Amino acid sequence: MNGDSPTAERPDEAADQEFPGPPLPEGVPDFDPNDPVESAVIRRLVGNWHRRATVKRDEPDLDELFDPARADYPERILPFHDHPTYRALSPEKRSELLSWAWIAYNRHTVMAEQKVANPAFALVMEGEYPGLGGEALNLSLAQAMVDEQYHTLMHLNASAVTRRRRGRAMPDNALPLSHTARVHQELRDRAVERSEKSLTTLAFATVSEISINAYLDLLAEDTTIQPINSTTATLHNRDEYCHASISHVLAEMVFAHLNTSQRRYFLDMLMEGLDAFVANDYSTWHRIVDLADVAGGHEMLADCQAQAGRGRLVRDYTGLHKLVEQMGVADQVDFDWSRSHVDS
């Protein structure tokens, strides 16, 4: 799924020379072997994935690349970054909240892969949706699912480094199910027909795979945070540009084979998925301010939730807008596309 030209040397082929034994597995994100952070992230990834008892080699030490002076997450995109309660906190407490934000970001990303994207791809391969099938499609989806597993491992590794270097427990399971995963499950539970449940998952996966680049860009393009963290987002982002194209085609093909009521349901679920995916996850933040013992934290979050302008984390909906336009149904969804932009 990496779209390399047949004549150009792939970055991971160059990197293969650094590894004794078999080449890097198919699906490993492309990376620049001359970039020490990108190379270390991938080497740790492959070391975890392809550990064998008969092979003894040192794993790259991501901890050595950790810069304790850098923030773990961009402060500017915290929903409360300019609230007086947050600004009055000590530097140490603000740093702790930024670390929690990074842990929650990784958890949100893993949930999107494990509970939405891969289940949708699996349903396609199982023949759940009309108009989809064939060997070429199944091979593409199987490779995309491998990509998603690598992305999951990348984000788990990144959280583990943060916990070690910050000396804070910050367990993933202390946080609630992500907002997107929770809404997806609630809508599936509410659906009566099997086709409705399947279309709910496909719609949420479509939104996730088409919109996740804007989410990843918030970190990938930020040069002020931990290099490991921005690099993790960058590497993940490269694959997702390809996955967005796959999901776009899948949605168009399925939509063409749906009846009128199914089409309406699918469009409604696309909008539900969009609302869920781009929203600030205040349920998670309420839990974090408890875990971090932030005095006045719940009141601060309530203030932010009451302000309409703070409701969305990501505001780049152009990919989904293009999809509904190409399906010829942009006038059938109730959404103000003029608001589509990325926070600066």
C-alpha atoms as a PDB file:
ATOM      1  CA  MET A   1       0.000   0.000   0.000  1.00  0.00           C
ATOM      2  CA  ASN A   2       3.018   2.290  -0.064  1.00  0.00           C
ATOM      3  CA  GLY A   3       2.773   3.204  -3.760  1.00  0.00           C
ATOM      4  CA  ASP A   4       6.512   3.035  -4.579  1.00  0.00           C
ATOM      5  CA  SER A   5       7.514   3.418  -8.224  1.00  0.00           C
ATOM      6  CA  PRO A   6       8.995   0.248  -9.806  1.00  0.00           C
ATOM      7  CA  THR A   7      12.308   1.936 -10.545  1.00  0.00           C
ATOM      8  CA  ALA A   8      12.891   4.019  -7.449  1.00  0.00           C
ATOM      9  CA  GLU A   9      14.618   2.509  -4.467  1.00  0.00           C
ATOM     10  CA  ARG A  10      12.180   2.161  -1.593  1.00  0.00           C
ATOM     11  CA  PRO A  11      13.276   3.755   1.686  1.00  0.00           C
ATOM     12  CA  ASP A  12      12.731   0.494   3.501  1.00  0.00           C
ATOM     13  CA  GLU A  13      14.905  -1.349   0.950  1.00  0.00           C
ATOM     14  CA  ALA A  14      17.784   0.921   1.878  1.00  0.00           C
ATOM     15  CA  ALA A  15      17.019   0.301   5.502  1.00  0.00           C
ATOM     16  CA  ASP A  16      16.973  -3.473   4.923  1.00  0.00           C
ATOM     17  CA  GLN A  17      20.741  -3.305   4.556  1.00  0.00           C
ATOM     18  CA  GLU A  18      20.960  -2.301   8.223  1.00  0.00           C
ATOM     19  CA  PHE A  19      19.148  -5.463   9.315  1.00  0.00           C
ATOM     20  CA  PRO A  20      20.740  -8.915   9.163  1.00  0.00           C
ATOM     21  CA  GLY A  21      18.397 -11.697   8.062  1.00  0.00           C
ATOM     22  CA  PRO A  22      15.044 -11.360   6.259  1.00  0.00           C
ATOM     23  CA  PRO A  23      13.923  -8.065   4.679  1.00  0.00           C
ATOM     24  CA  LEU A  24      11.514  -5.764   6.465  1.00  0.00           C
ATOM     25  CA  PRO A  25       7.981  -7.155   6.477  1.00  0.00           C
ATOM     26  CA  GLU A  26       5.433  -6.006   3.917  1.00  0.00           C
ATOM     27  CA  GLY A  27       3.310  -3.219   5.321  1.00  0.00           C
ATOM     28  CA  VAL A  28       6.011  -1.499   7.381  1.00  0.00           C
ATOM     29  CA  PRO A  29       5.538   2.256   6.795  1.00  0.00           C
ATOM     30  CA  ASP A  30       8.032   3.957   4.471  1.00  0.00           C
ATOM     31  CA  PHE A  31      10.701   5.938   6.263  1.00  0.00           C
ATOM     32  CA  ASP A  32      13.920   7.828   5.724  1.00  0.00           C
ATOM     33  CA  PRO A  33      16.817   5.622   6.919  1.00  0.00           C
ATOM     34  CA  ASN A  34      18.976   8.754   7.235  1.00  0.00           C
ATOM     35  CA  ASP A  35      16.599  10.281   9.770  1.00  0.00           C
ATOM     36  CA  PRO A  36      17.685   8.952  13.188  1.00  0.00           C
ATOM     37  CA  VAL A  37      14.238   9.313  14.780  1.00  0.00           C
ATOM     38  CA  GLU A  38      12.303   7.744  11.887  1.00  0.00           C
ATOM     39  CA  SER A  39      14.846   4.925  11.680  1.00  0.00           C
ATOM     40  CA  ALA A  40      14.690   4.262  15.423  1.00  0.00           C
ATOM     41  CA  VAL A  41      10.877   4.161  15.465  1.00  0.00           C
ATOM     42  CA  ILE A  42      10.809   1.618  12.627  1.00  0.00           C
ATOM     43  CA  ARG A  43      13.669  -0.461  14.036  1.00  0.00           C
ATOM     44  CA  ARG A  44      11.879  -0.750  17.393  1.00  0.00           C
ATOM     45  CA  LEU A  45       8.672  -1.611  15.571  1.00  0.00           C
ATOM     46  CA  VAL A  46      10.282  -4.405  13.588  1.00  0.00           C
ATOM     47  CA  GLY A  47      12.227  -5.605  16.610  1.00  0.00           C
ATOM     48  CA  ASN A  48       8.991  -6.063  18.541  1.00  0.00           C
ATOM     49  CA  TRP A  49       7.122  -7.591  15.617  1.00  0.00           C
ATOM     50  CA  HIS A  50       9.795  -9.993  14.442  1.00  0.00           C
ATOM     51  CA  ARG A  51      11.446 -11.046  17.667  1.00  0.00           C
ATOM     52  CA  ARG A  52      12.801 -14.601  17.400  1.00  0.00           C
ATOM     53  CA  ALA A  53      14.529 -16.666  20.083  1.00  0.00           C
ATOM     54  CA  THR A  54      17.342 -17.572  17.694  1.00  0.00           C
ATOM     55  CA  VAL A  55      18.096 -13.964  16.761  1.00  0.00           C
ATOM     56  CA  LYS A  56      19.921 -11.875  19.328  1.00  0.00           C
ATOM     57  CA  ARG A  57      20.383  -8.223  18.525  1.00  0.00           C
ATOM     58  CA  ASP A  58      19.999  -4.999  20.441  1.00  0.00           C
ATOM     59  CA  GLU A  59      16.807  -3.077  19.853  1.00  0.00           C
ATOM     60  CA  PRO A  60      17.076   0.631  19.107  1.00  0.00           C
ATOM     61  CA  ASP A  61      16.688   2.696  22.221  1.00  0.00           C
ATOM     62  CA  LEU A  62      13.927   5.224  21.622  1.00  0.00           C
ATOM     63  CA  ASP A  63      14.494   6.471  25.151  1.00  0.00           C
ATOM     64  CA  GLU A  64      17.835   7.954  24.084  1.00  0.00           C
ATOM     65  CA  LEU A  65      16.022  10.116  21.533  1.00  0.00           C
ATOM     66  CA  PHE A  66      13.556  11.420  24.103  1.00  0.00           C
ATOM     67  CA  ASP A  67      13.979  15.112  24.889  1.00  0.00           C
ATOM     68  CA  PRO A  68      12.567  15.784  28.372  1.00  0.00           C
ATOM     69  CA  ALA A  69      12.502  19.521  27.659  1.00  0.00           C
ATOM     70  CA  ARG A  70      10.003  19.082  24.819  1.00  0.00           C
ATOM     71  CA  ALA A  71       6.252  18.850  25.362  1.00  0.00           C
ATOM     72  CA  ASP A  72       4.585  15.539  24.569  1.00  0.00           C
ATOM     73  CA  TYR A  73       1.610  17.151  22.816  1.00  0.00           C
ATOM     74  CA  PRO A  74       0.886  20.537  21.194  1.00  0.00           C
ATOM     75  CA  GLU A  75      -0.465  22.811  23.894  1.00  0.00           C
ATOM     76  CA  ARG A  76      -2.270  24.971  21.315  1.00  0.00           C
ATOM     77  CA  ILE A  77      -4.791  22.226  20.482  1.00  0.00           C
ATOM     78  CA  LEU A  78      -5.838  21.493  24.049  1.00  0.00           C
ATOM     79  CA  PRO A  79      -9.505  22.544  24.265  1.00  0.00           C
ATOM     80  CA  PHE A  80      -8.647  24.538  27.413  1.00  0.00           C
ATOM     81  CA  HIS A  81      -5.200  25.854  26.431  1.00  0.00           C
ATOM     82  CA  ASP A  82      -6.152  29.476  27.120  1.00  0.00           C
ATOM     83  CA  HIS A  83      -8.476  28.911  30.084  1.00  0.00           C
ATOM     84  CA  PRO A  84      -7.420  30.748  33.282  1.00  0.00           C
ATOM     85  CA  THR A  85      -7.524  27.542  35.348  1.00  0.00           C
ATOM     86  CA  TYR A  86      -5.051  25.836  33.016  1.00  0.00           C
ATOM     87  CA  ARG A  87      -2.822  28.894  32.688  1.00  0.00           C
ATOM     88  CA  ALA A  88      -2.590  29.103  36.499  1.00  0.00           C
ATOM     89  CA  LEU A  89      -1.270  25.544  36.830  1.00  0.00           C
ATOM     90  CA  SER A  90       2.382  24.911  37.582  1.00  0.00           C
ATOM     91  CA  PRO A  91       4.653  24.000  34.634  1.00  0.00           C
ATOM     92  CA  GLU A  92       4.906  20.498  36.059  1.00  0.00           C
ATOM     93  CA  LYS A  93       1.135  20.033  36.141  1.00  0.00           C
ATOM     94  CA  ARG A  94       0.730  21.410  32.609  1.00  0.00           C
ATOM     95  CA  SER A  95       3.440  19.001  31.461  1.00  0.00           C
ATOM     96  CA  GLU A  96       1.556  16.128  33.074  1.00  0.00           C
ATOM     97  CA  LEU A  97      -1.644  17.081  31.250  1.00  0.00           C
ATOM     98  CA  LEU A  98       0.243  17.238  27.952  1.00  0.00           C
ATOM     99  CA  SER A  99       1.617  13.757  28.604  1.00  0.00           C
ATOM    100  CA  TRP A 100      -1.896  12.513  29.304  1.00  0.00           C
ATOM    101  CA  ALA A 101      -3.070  14.185  26.092  1.00  0.00           C
ATOM    102  CA  TRP A 102      -0.465  12.186  24.145  1.00  0.00           C
ATOM    103  CA  ILE A 103      -1.464   8.928  25.855  1.00  0.00           C
ATOM    104  CA  ALA A 104      -5.124   9.651  25.075  1.00  0.00           C
ATOM    105  CA  TYR A 105      -4.274  10.576  21.472  1.00  0.00           C
ATOM    106  CA  ASN A 106      -2.526   7.232  20.994  1.00  0.00           C
ATOM    107  CA  ARG A 107      -5.418   5.393  22.612  1.00  0.00           C
ATOM    108  CA  HIS A 108      -7.919   7.178  20.353  1.00  0.00           C
ATOM    109  CA  THR A 109      -5.844   6.202  17.308  1.00  0.00           C
ATOM    110  CA  VAL A 110      -5.558   2.565  18.389  1.00  0.00           C
ATOM    111  CA  MET A 111      -9.311   2.409  19.018  1.00  0.00           C
ATOM    112  CA  ALA A 112      -9.991   3.804  15.542  1.00  0.00           C
ATOM    113  CA  GLU A 113      -7.817   1.082  14.004  1.00  0.00           C
ATOM    114  CA  GLN A 114      -8.941  -1.844  16.149  1.00  0.00           C
ATOM    115  CA  LYS A 115     -12.640  -1.117  16.661  1.00  0.00           C
ATOM    116  CA  VAL A 116     -13.589   0.620  13.405  1.00  0.00           C
ATOM    117  CA  ALA A 117     -11.157   0.378  10.470  1.00  0.00           C
ATOM    118  CA  ASN A 118     -10.035  -3.249  10.686  1.00  0.00           C
ATOM    119  CA  PRO A 119     -13.534  -4.581  11.509  1.00  0.00           C
ATOM    120  CA  ALA A 120     -14.872  -2.779   8.408  1.00  0.00           C
ATOM    121  CA  PHE A 121     -12.108  -4.193   6.210  1.00  0.00           C
ATOM    122  CA  ALA A 122     -12.779  -7.662   7.620  1.00  0.00           C
ATOM    123  CA  LEU A 123     -16.497  -7.351   6.824  1.00  0.00           C
ATOM    124  CA  VAL A 124     -15.655  -6.456   3.223  1.00  0.00           C
ATOM    125  CA  MET A 125     -13.428  -9.523   2.903  1.00  0.00           C
ATOM    126  CA  GLU A 126     -16.207 -11.680   4.369  1.00  0.00           C
ATOM    127  CA  GLY A 127     -18.583 -10.550   1.597  1.00  0.00           C
ATOM    128  CA  GLU A 128     -20.829  -8.489   3.852  1.00  0.00           C
ATOM    129  CA  TYR A 129     -21.386  -5.602   1.443  1.00  0.00           C
ATOM    130  CA  PRO A 130     -23.008  -5.735  -1.996  1.00  0.00           C
ATOM    131  CA  GLY A 131     -20.855  -4.901  -4.983  1.00  0.00           C
ATOM    132  CA  LEU A 132     -17.539  -5.709  -3.318  1.00  0.00           C
ATOM    133  CA  GLY A 133     -15.341  -8.744  -3.792  1.00  0.00           C
ATOM    134  CA  GLY A 134     -12.500 -10.289  -5.736  1.00  0.00           C
ATOM    135  CA  GLU A 135      -8.934 -11.314  -5.144  1.00  0.00           C
ATOM    136  CA  ALA A 136      -7.335  -7.936  -5.887  1.00  0.00           C
ATOM    137  CA  LEU A 137      -9.587  -6.136  -3.437  1.00  0.00           C
ATOM    138  CA  ASN A 138      -9.056  -8.729  -0.710  1.00  0.00           C
ATOM    139  CA  LEU A 139      -5.280  -8.546  -1.117  1.00  0.00           C
ATOM    140  CA  SER A 140      -5.385  -4.747  -0.852  1.00  0.00           C
ATOM    141  CA  LEU A 141      -7.536  -4.908   2.260  1.00  0.00           C
ATOM    142  CA  ALA A 142      -5.376  -7.588   3.886  1.00  0.00           C
ATOM    143  CA  GLN A 143      -2.328  -5.383   3.384  1.00  0.00           C
ATOM    144  CA  ALA A 144      -4.206  -2.377   4.781  1.00  0.00           C
ATOM    145  CA  MET A 145      -5.097  -4.428   7.858  1.00  0.00           C
ATOM    146  CA  VAL A 146      -1.425  -5.292   8.336  1.00  0.00           C
ATOM    147  CA  ASP A 147      -0.653  -1.573   8.099  1.00  0.00           C
ATOM    148  CA  GLU A 148      -3.203  -0.859  10.802  1.00  0.00           C
ATOM    149  CA  GLN A 149      -1.616  -3.419  13.124  1.00  0.00           C
ATOM    150  CA  TYR A 150       1.781  -1.781  12.660  1.00  0.00           C
ATOM    151  CA  HIS A 151       0.224   1.602  13.379  1.00  0.00           C
ATOM    152  CA  THR A 152      -1.231   0.210  16.587  1.00  0.00           C
ATOM    153  CA  LEU A 153       2.178  -1.061  17.661  1.00  0.00           C
ATOM    154  CA  MET A 154       3.824   2.253  16.779  1.00  0.00           C
ATOM    155  CA  HIS A 155       1.437   4.191  18.998  1.00  0.00           C
ATOM    156  CA  LEU A 156       1.729   1.677  21.839  1.00  0.00           C
ATOM    157  CA  ASN A 157       5.521   1.977  21.673  1.00  0.00           C
ATOM    158  CA  ALA A 158       5.295   5.766  21.731  1.00  0.00           C
ATOM    159  CA  SER A 159       3.084   5.727  24.828  1.00  0.00           C
ATOM    160  CA  ALA A 160       5.424   3.275  26.546  1.00  0.00           C
ATOM    161  CA  VAL A 161       8.417   5.566  25.998  1.00  0.00           C
ATOM    162  CA  THR A 162       6.482   8.512  27.415  1.00  0.00           C
ATOM    163  CA  ARG A 163       5.551   6.574  30.548  1.00  0.00           C
ATOM    164  CA  ARG A 164       9.126   5.435  31.126  1.00  0.00           C
ATOM    165  CA  ARG A 165      10.775   8.789  30.571  1.00  0.00           C
ATOM    166  CA  ARG A 166       8.197  10.858  32.446  1.00  0.00           C
ATOM    167  CA  GLY A 167       8.124   8.404  35.336  1.00  0.00           C
ATOM    168  CA  ARG A 168       4.326   8.383  35.384  1.00  0.00           C
ATOM    169  CA  ALA A 169       2.113   5.305  35.250  1.00  0.00           C
ATOM    170  CA  MET A 170      -0.618   6.820  33.006  1.00  0.00           C
ATOM    171  CA  PRO A 171      -2.190   3.436  32.106  1.00  0.00           C
ATOM    172  CA  ASP A 172      -4.301   3.290  28.946  1.00  0.00           C
ATOM    173  CA  ASN A 173      -7.034   1.357  30.707  1.00  0.00           C
ATOM    174  CA  ALA A 174      -7.527   4.189  33.185  1.00  0.00           C
ATOM    175  CA  LEU A 175      -9.162   6.114  30.339  1.00  0.00           C
ATOM    176  CA  PRO A 176     -12.675   5.461  29.038  1.00  0.00           C
ATOM    177  CA  LEU A 177     -13.449   4.100  25.607  1.00  0.00           C
ATOM    178  CA  SER A 178     -12.713   6.832  23.072  1.00  0.00           C
ATOM    179  CA  HIS A 179     -15.620   9.036  22.029  1.00  0.00           C
ATOM    180  CA  THR A 180     -15.586   7.746  18.431  1.00  0.00           C
ATOM    181  CA  ALA A 181     -15.504   4.087  19.458  1.00  0.00           C
ATOM    182  CA  ARG A 182     -18.230   4.664  22.026  1.00  0.00           C
ATOM    183  CA  VAL A 183     -20.599   6.401  19.588  1.00  0.00           C
ATOM    184  CA  HIS A 184     -19.922   3.737  16.961  1.00  0.00           C
ATOM    185  CA  GLN A 185     -20.827   0.969  19.383  1.00  0.00           C
ATOM    186  CA  GLU A 186     -23.941   2.779  20.613  1.00  0.00           C
ATOM    187  CA  LEU A 187     -25.219   3.206  17.058  1.00  0.00           C
ATOM    188  CA  ARG A 188     -24.508  -0.422  16.212  1.00  0.00           C
ATOM    189  CA  ASP A 189     -26.361  -1.535  19.341  1.00  0.00           C
ATOM    190  CA  ARG A 190     -29.303   0.679  18.393  1.00  0.00           C
ATOM    191  CA  ALA A 191     -29.490  -0.667  14.831  1.00  0.00           C
ATOM    192  CA  VAL A 192     -32.139  -3.335  14.244  1.00  0.00           C
ATOM    193  CA  GLU A 193     -31.139  -4.848  10.913  1.00  0.00           C
ATOM    194  CA  ARG A 194     -27.853  -6.622  10.308  1.00  0.00           C
ATOM    195  CA  SER A 195     -27.312  -4.427   7.227  1.00  0.00           C
ATOM    196  CA  GLU A 196     -27.655  -1.325   9.405  1.00  0.00           C
ATOM    197  CA  LYS A 197     -25.001  -2.542  11.818  1.00  0.00           C
ATOM    198  CA  SER A 198     -22.629  -3.310   8.931  1.00  0.00           C
ATOM    199  CA  LEU A 199     -23.287   0.022   7.224  1.00  0.00           C
ATOM    200  CA  THR A 200     -22.652   1.834  10.518  1.00  0.00           C
ATOM    201  CA  THR A 201     -19.202   0.264  10.750  1.00  0.00           C
ATOM    202  CA  LEU A 202     -18.418   0.989   7.100  1.00  0.00           C
ATOM    203  CA  ALA A 203     -19.537   4.617   7.476  1.00  0.00           C
ATOM    204  CA  PHE A 204     -17.413   5.195  10.584  1.00  0.00           C
ATOM    205  CA  ALA A 205     -14.418   3.516   8.941  1.00  0.00           C
ATOM    206  CA  THR A 206     -14.895   5.679   5.854  1.00  0.00           C
ATOM    207  CA  VAL A 207     -14.877   8.851   7.955  1.00  0.00           C
ATOM    208  CA  SER A 208     -11.919   7.660  10.022  1.00  0.00           C
ATOM    209  CA  GLU A 209      -9.751   6.632   7.092  1.00  0.00           C
ATOM    210  CA  ILE A 210     -10.567   9.704   5.008  1.00  0.00           C
ATOM    211  CA  SER A 211     -10.284  12.206   7.877  1.00  0.00           C
ATOM    212  CA  ILE A 212      -7.479  10.777  10.001  1.00  0.00           C
ATOM    213  CA  ASN A 213      -4.783  12.593   8.003  1.00  0.00           C
ATOM    214  CA  ALA A 214      -6.023  15.934   9.322  1.00  0.00           C
ATOM    215  CA  TYR A 215      -5.872  14.529  12.850  1.00  0.00           C
ATOM    216  CA  LEU A 216      -2.370  13.141  12.385  1.00  0.00           C
ATOM    217  CA  ASP A 217      -1.224  16.374  10.730  1.00  0.00           C
ATOM    218  CA  LEU A 218      -1.847  18.236  13.991  1.00  0.00           C
ATOM    219  CA  LEU A 219       1.130  16.377  15.469  1.00  0.00           C
ATOM    220  CA  ALA A 220       3.156  15.390  12.403  1.00  0.00           C
ATOM    221  CA  GLU A 221       3.696  19.019  11.402  1.00  0.00           C
ATOM    222  CA  ASP A 222       4.448  20.314  14.902  1.00  0.00           C
ATOM    223  CA  THR A 223       8.180  20.845  15.359  1.00  0.00           C
ATOM    224  CA  THR A 224       7.900  21.926  18.991  1.00  0.00           C
ATOM    225  CA  ILE A 225       6.916  18.568  20.509  1.00  0.00           C
ATOM    226  CA  GLN A 226       8.781  15.316  21.135  1.00  0.00           C
ATOM    227  CA  PRO A 227      10.499  14.227  17.883  1.00  0.00           C
ATOM    228  CA  ILE A 228       9.427  10.621  18.594  1.00  0.00           C
ATOM    229  CA  ASN A 229       5.806  11.721  18.838  1.00  0.00           C
ATOM    230  CA  SER A 230       5.718  13.871  15.712  1.00  0.00           C
ATOM    231  CA  THR A 231       7.616  11.175  13.800  1.00  0.00           C
ATOM    232  CA  THR A 232       5.157   8.484  14.890  1.00  0.00           C
ATOM    233  CA  ALA A 233       2.340  10.606  13.458  1.00  0.00           C
ATOM    234  CA  THR A 234       4.314  11.280  10.276  1.00  0.00           C
ATOM    235  CA  LEU A 235       5.005   7.603   9.596  1.00  0.00           C
ATOM    236  CA  HIS A 236       1.392   6.662  10.281  1.00  0.00           C
ATOM    237  CA  ASN A 237       0.195   9.473   8.036  1.00  0.00           C
ATOM    238  CA  ARG A 238       2.014   8.165   4.962  1.00  0.00           C
ATOM    239  CA  ASP A 239       0.033   4.944   4.899  1.00  0.00           C
ATOM    240  CA  GLU A 240      -3.246   6.660   5.676  1.00  0.00           C
ATOM    241  CA  TYR A 241      -3.135   8.742   2.521  1.00  0.00           C
ATOM    242  CA  CYS A 242      -3.340   5.440   0.641  1.00  0.00           C
ATOM    243  CA  HIS A 243      -6.012   4.030   2.955  1.00  0.00           C
ATOM    244  CA  ALA A 244      -8.114   7.143   2.354  1.00  0.00           C
ATOM    245  CA  SER A 245      -8.184   6.316  -1.364  1.00  0.00           C
ATOM    246  CA  ILE A 246      -9.199   2.726  -0.651  1.00  0.00           C
ATOM    247  CA  SER A 247     -11.994   3.776   1.704  1.00  0.00           C
ATOM    248  CA  HIS A 248     -13.240   6.367  -0.782  1.00  0.00           C
ATOM    249  CA  VAL A 249     -13.600   3.699  -3.489  1.00  0.00           C
ATOM    250  CA  LEU A 250     -15.196   1.182  -1.103  1.00  0.00           C
ATOM    251  CA  ALA A 251     -17.852   3.690  -0.038  1.00  0.00           C
ATOM    252  CA  GLU A 252     -18.684   4.622  -3.633  1.00  0.00           C
ATOM    253  CA  MET A 253     -18.964   0.996  -4.721  1.00  0.00           C
ATOM    254  CA  VAL A 254     -21.179  -0.028  -1.807  1.00  0.00           C
ATOM    255  CA  PHE A 255     -23.384   3.052  -2.109  1.00  0.00           C
ATOM    256  CA  ALA A 256     -24.101   2.267  -5.757  1.00  0.00           C
ATOM    257  CA  HIS A 257     -25.652  -1.091  -4.759  1.00  0.00           C
ATOM    258  CA  LEU A 258     -27.823   0.139  -1.868  1.00  0.00           C
ATOM    259  CA  ASN A 259     -31.558   0.707  -2.038  1.00  0.00           C
ATOM    260  CA  THR A 260     -33.080   4.098  -1.232  1.00  0.00           C
ATOM    261  CA  SER A 261     -33.562   3.515   2.511  1.00  0.00           C
ATOM    262  CA  GLN A 262     -30.094   1.980   2.891  1.00  0.00           C
ATOM    263  CA  ARG A 263     -28.542   4.964   1.116  1.00  0.00           C
ATOM    264  CA  ARG A 264     -30.271   7.349   3.495  1.00  0.00           C
ATOM    265  CA  TYR A 265     -29.087   5.320   6.472  1.00  0.00           C
ATOM    266  CA  PHE A 266     -25.494   5.211   5.198  1.00  0.00           C
ATOM    267  CA  LEU A 267     -25.411   8.992   4.652  1.00  0.00           C
ATOM    268  CA  ASP A 268     -26.813   9.564   8.134  1.00  0.00           C
ATOM    269  CA  MET A 269     -24.096   7.332   9.589  1.00  0.00           C
ATOM    270  CA  LEU A 270     -21.403   9.209   7.654  1.00  0.00           C
ATOM    271  CA  MET A 271     -22.526  12.422   9.347  1.00  0.00           C
ATOM    272  CA  GLU A 272     -22.730  10.702  12.751  1.00  0.00           C
ATOM    273  CA  GLY A 273     -19.215   9.400  12.202  1.00  0.00           C
ATOM    274  CA  LEU A 274     -17.933  12.815  11.187  1.00  0.00           C
ATOM    275  CA  ASP A 275     -19.414  14.471  14.270  1.00  0.00           C
ATOM    276  CA  ALA A 276     -17.902  11.786  16.506  1.00  0.00           C
ATOM    277  CA  PHE A 277     -14.476  11.719  14.889  1.00  0.00           C
ATOM    278  CA  VAL A 278     -13.722  15.441  14.869  1.00  0.00           C
ATOM    279  CA  ALA A 279     -15.068  16.232  18.348  1.00  0.00           C
ATOM    280  CA  ASN A 280     -12.989  16.932  21.421  1.00  0.00           C
ATOM    281  CA  ASP A 281     -13.340  13.918  23.708  1.00  0.00           C
ATOM    282  CA  TYR A 282     -14.513  15.621  26.882  1.00  0.00           C
ATOM    283  CA  SER A 283     -15.368  12.330  28.606  1.00  0.00           C
ATOM    284  CA  THR A 284     -11.704  11.410  28.420  1.00  0.00           C
ATOM    285  CA  TRP A 285     -10.650  14.862  29.602  1.00  0.00           C
ATOM    286  CA  HIS A 286     -12.970  14.685  32.613  1.00  0.00           C
ATOM    287  CA  ARG A 287     -11.274  11.428  33.573  1.00  0.00           C
ATOM    288  CA  ILE A 288      -7.803  12.905  33.038  1.00  0.00           C
ATOM    289  CA  VAL A 289      -8.369  15.905  35.308  1.00  0.00           C
ATOM    290  CA  ASP A 290      -9.374  13.445  38.025  1.00  0.00           C
ATOM    291  CA  LEU A 291      -6.290  11.299  37.446  1.00  0.00           C
ATOM    292  CA  ALA A 292      -4.041  14.364  37.414  1.00  0.00           C
ATOM    293  CA  ASP A 293      -5.831  15.894  40.408  1.00  0.00           C
ATOM    294  CA  VAL A 294      -6.458  19.246  38.702  1.00  0.00           C
ATOM    295  CA  ALA A 295      -8.279  21.585  41.067  1.00  0.00           C
ATOM    296  CA  GLY A 296     -11.220  23.160  39.226  1.00  0.00           C
ATOM    297  CA  GLY A 297     -10.640  20.870  36.264  1.00  0.00           C
ATOM    298  CA  HIS A 298     -14.252  19.819  35.780  1.00  0.00           C
ATOM    299  CA  GLU A 299     -15.452  23.416  35.928  1.00  0.00           C
ATOM    300  CA  MET A 300     -12.793  24.373  33.370  1.00  0.00           C
ATOM    301  CA  LEU A 301     -13.988  21.654  31.001  1.00  0.00           C
ATOM    302  CA  ALA A 302     -17.619  22.641  31.499  1.00  0.00           C
ATOM    303  CA  ASP A 303     -16.714  26.212  30.511  1.00  0.00           C
ATOM    304  CA  CYS A 304     -15.030  24.947  27.350  1.00  0.00           C
ATOM    305  CA  GLN A 305     -17.885  22.615  26.430  1.00  0.00           C
ATOM    306  CA  ALA A 306     -20.312  25.525  26.713  1.00  0.00           C
ATOM    307  CA  GLN A 307     -18.400  27.469  24.063  1.00  0.00           C
ATOM    308  CA  ALA A 308     -19.466  26.345  20.586  1.00  0.00           C
ATOM    309  CA  GLY A 309     -16.164  27.335  19.021  1.00  0.00           C
ATOM    310  CA  ARG A 310     -14.282  24.749  21.083  1.00  0.00           C
ATOM    311  CA  GLY A 311     -16.424  21.788  20.070  1.00  0.00           C
ATOM    312  CA  ARG A 312     -14.211  20.344  17.340  1.00  0.00           C
ATOM    313  CA  LEU A 313     -10.606  19.185  17.439  1.00  0.00           C
ATOM    314  CA  VAL A 314     -10.263  18.697  13.664  1.00  0.00           C
ATOM    315  CA  ARG A 315     -11.957  20.953  11.122  1.00  0.00           C
ATOM    316  CA  ASP A 316     -10.675  19.548   7.829  1.00  0.00           C
ATOM    317  CA  TYR A 317     -13.640  17.738   6.275  1.00  0.00           C
ATOM    318  CA  THR A 318     -12.593  18.208   2.650  1.00  0.00           C
ATOM    319  CA  GLY A 319     -12.008  14.503   2.022  1.00  0.00           C
ATOM    320  CA  LEU A 320     -15.514  13.541   3.086  1.00  0.00           C
ATOM    321  CA  HIS A 321     -16.990  16.501   1.205  1.00  0.00           C
ATOM    322  CA  LYS A 322     -15.277  15.265  -1.965  1.00  0.00           C
ATOM    323  CA  LEU A 323     -16.708  11.795  -1.411  1.00  0.00           C
ATOM    324  CA  VAL A 324     -20.328  12.914  -1.075  1.00  0.00           C
ATOM    325  CA  GLU A 325     -19.889  15.207  -4.058  1.00  0.00           C
ATOM    326  CA  GLN A 326     -18.589  12.377  -6.220  1.00  0.00           C
ATOM    327  CA  MET A 327     -21.472  10.195  -5.070  1.00  0.00           C
ATOM    328  CA  GLY A 328     -23.792  13.017  -6.152  1.00  0.00           C
ATOM    329  CA  VAL A 329     -25.424  13.376  -2.732  1.00  0.00           C
ATOM    330  CA  ALA A 330     -23.848  16.516  -1.255  1.00  0.00           C
ATOM    331  CA  ASP A 331     -27.271  18.140  -1.224  1.00  0.00           C
ATOM    332  CA  GLN A 332     -28.691  15.234   0.787  1.00  0.00           C
ATOM    333  CA  VAL A 333     -26.569  15.763   3.895  1.00  0.00           C
ATOM    334  CA  ASP A 334     -27.167  18.547   6.392  1.00  0.00           C
ATOM    335  CA  PHE A 335     -23.688  19.939   6.964  1.00  0.00           C
ATOM    336  CA  ASP A 336     -22.106  23.355   6.472  1.00  0.00           C
ATOM    337  CA  TRP A 337     -19.066  22.425   4.410  1.00  0.00           C
ATOM    338  CA  SER A 338     -17.927  26.044   4.340  1.00  0.00           C
ATOM    339  CA  ARG A 339     -16.620  25.517   7.894  1.00  0.00           C
ATOM    340  CA  SER A 340     -14.040  23.012   6.633  1.00  0.00           C
ATOM    341  CA  HIS A 341     -10.526  24.009   7.581  1.00  0.00           C
ATOM    342  CA  VAL A 342      -7.730  22.924   9.895  1.00  0.00           C
ATOM    343  CA  ASP A 343      -7.115  24.916  13.055  1.00  0.00           C
ATOM    344  CA  SER A 344      -4.043  27.093  12.698  1.00  0.00           C
END
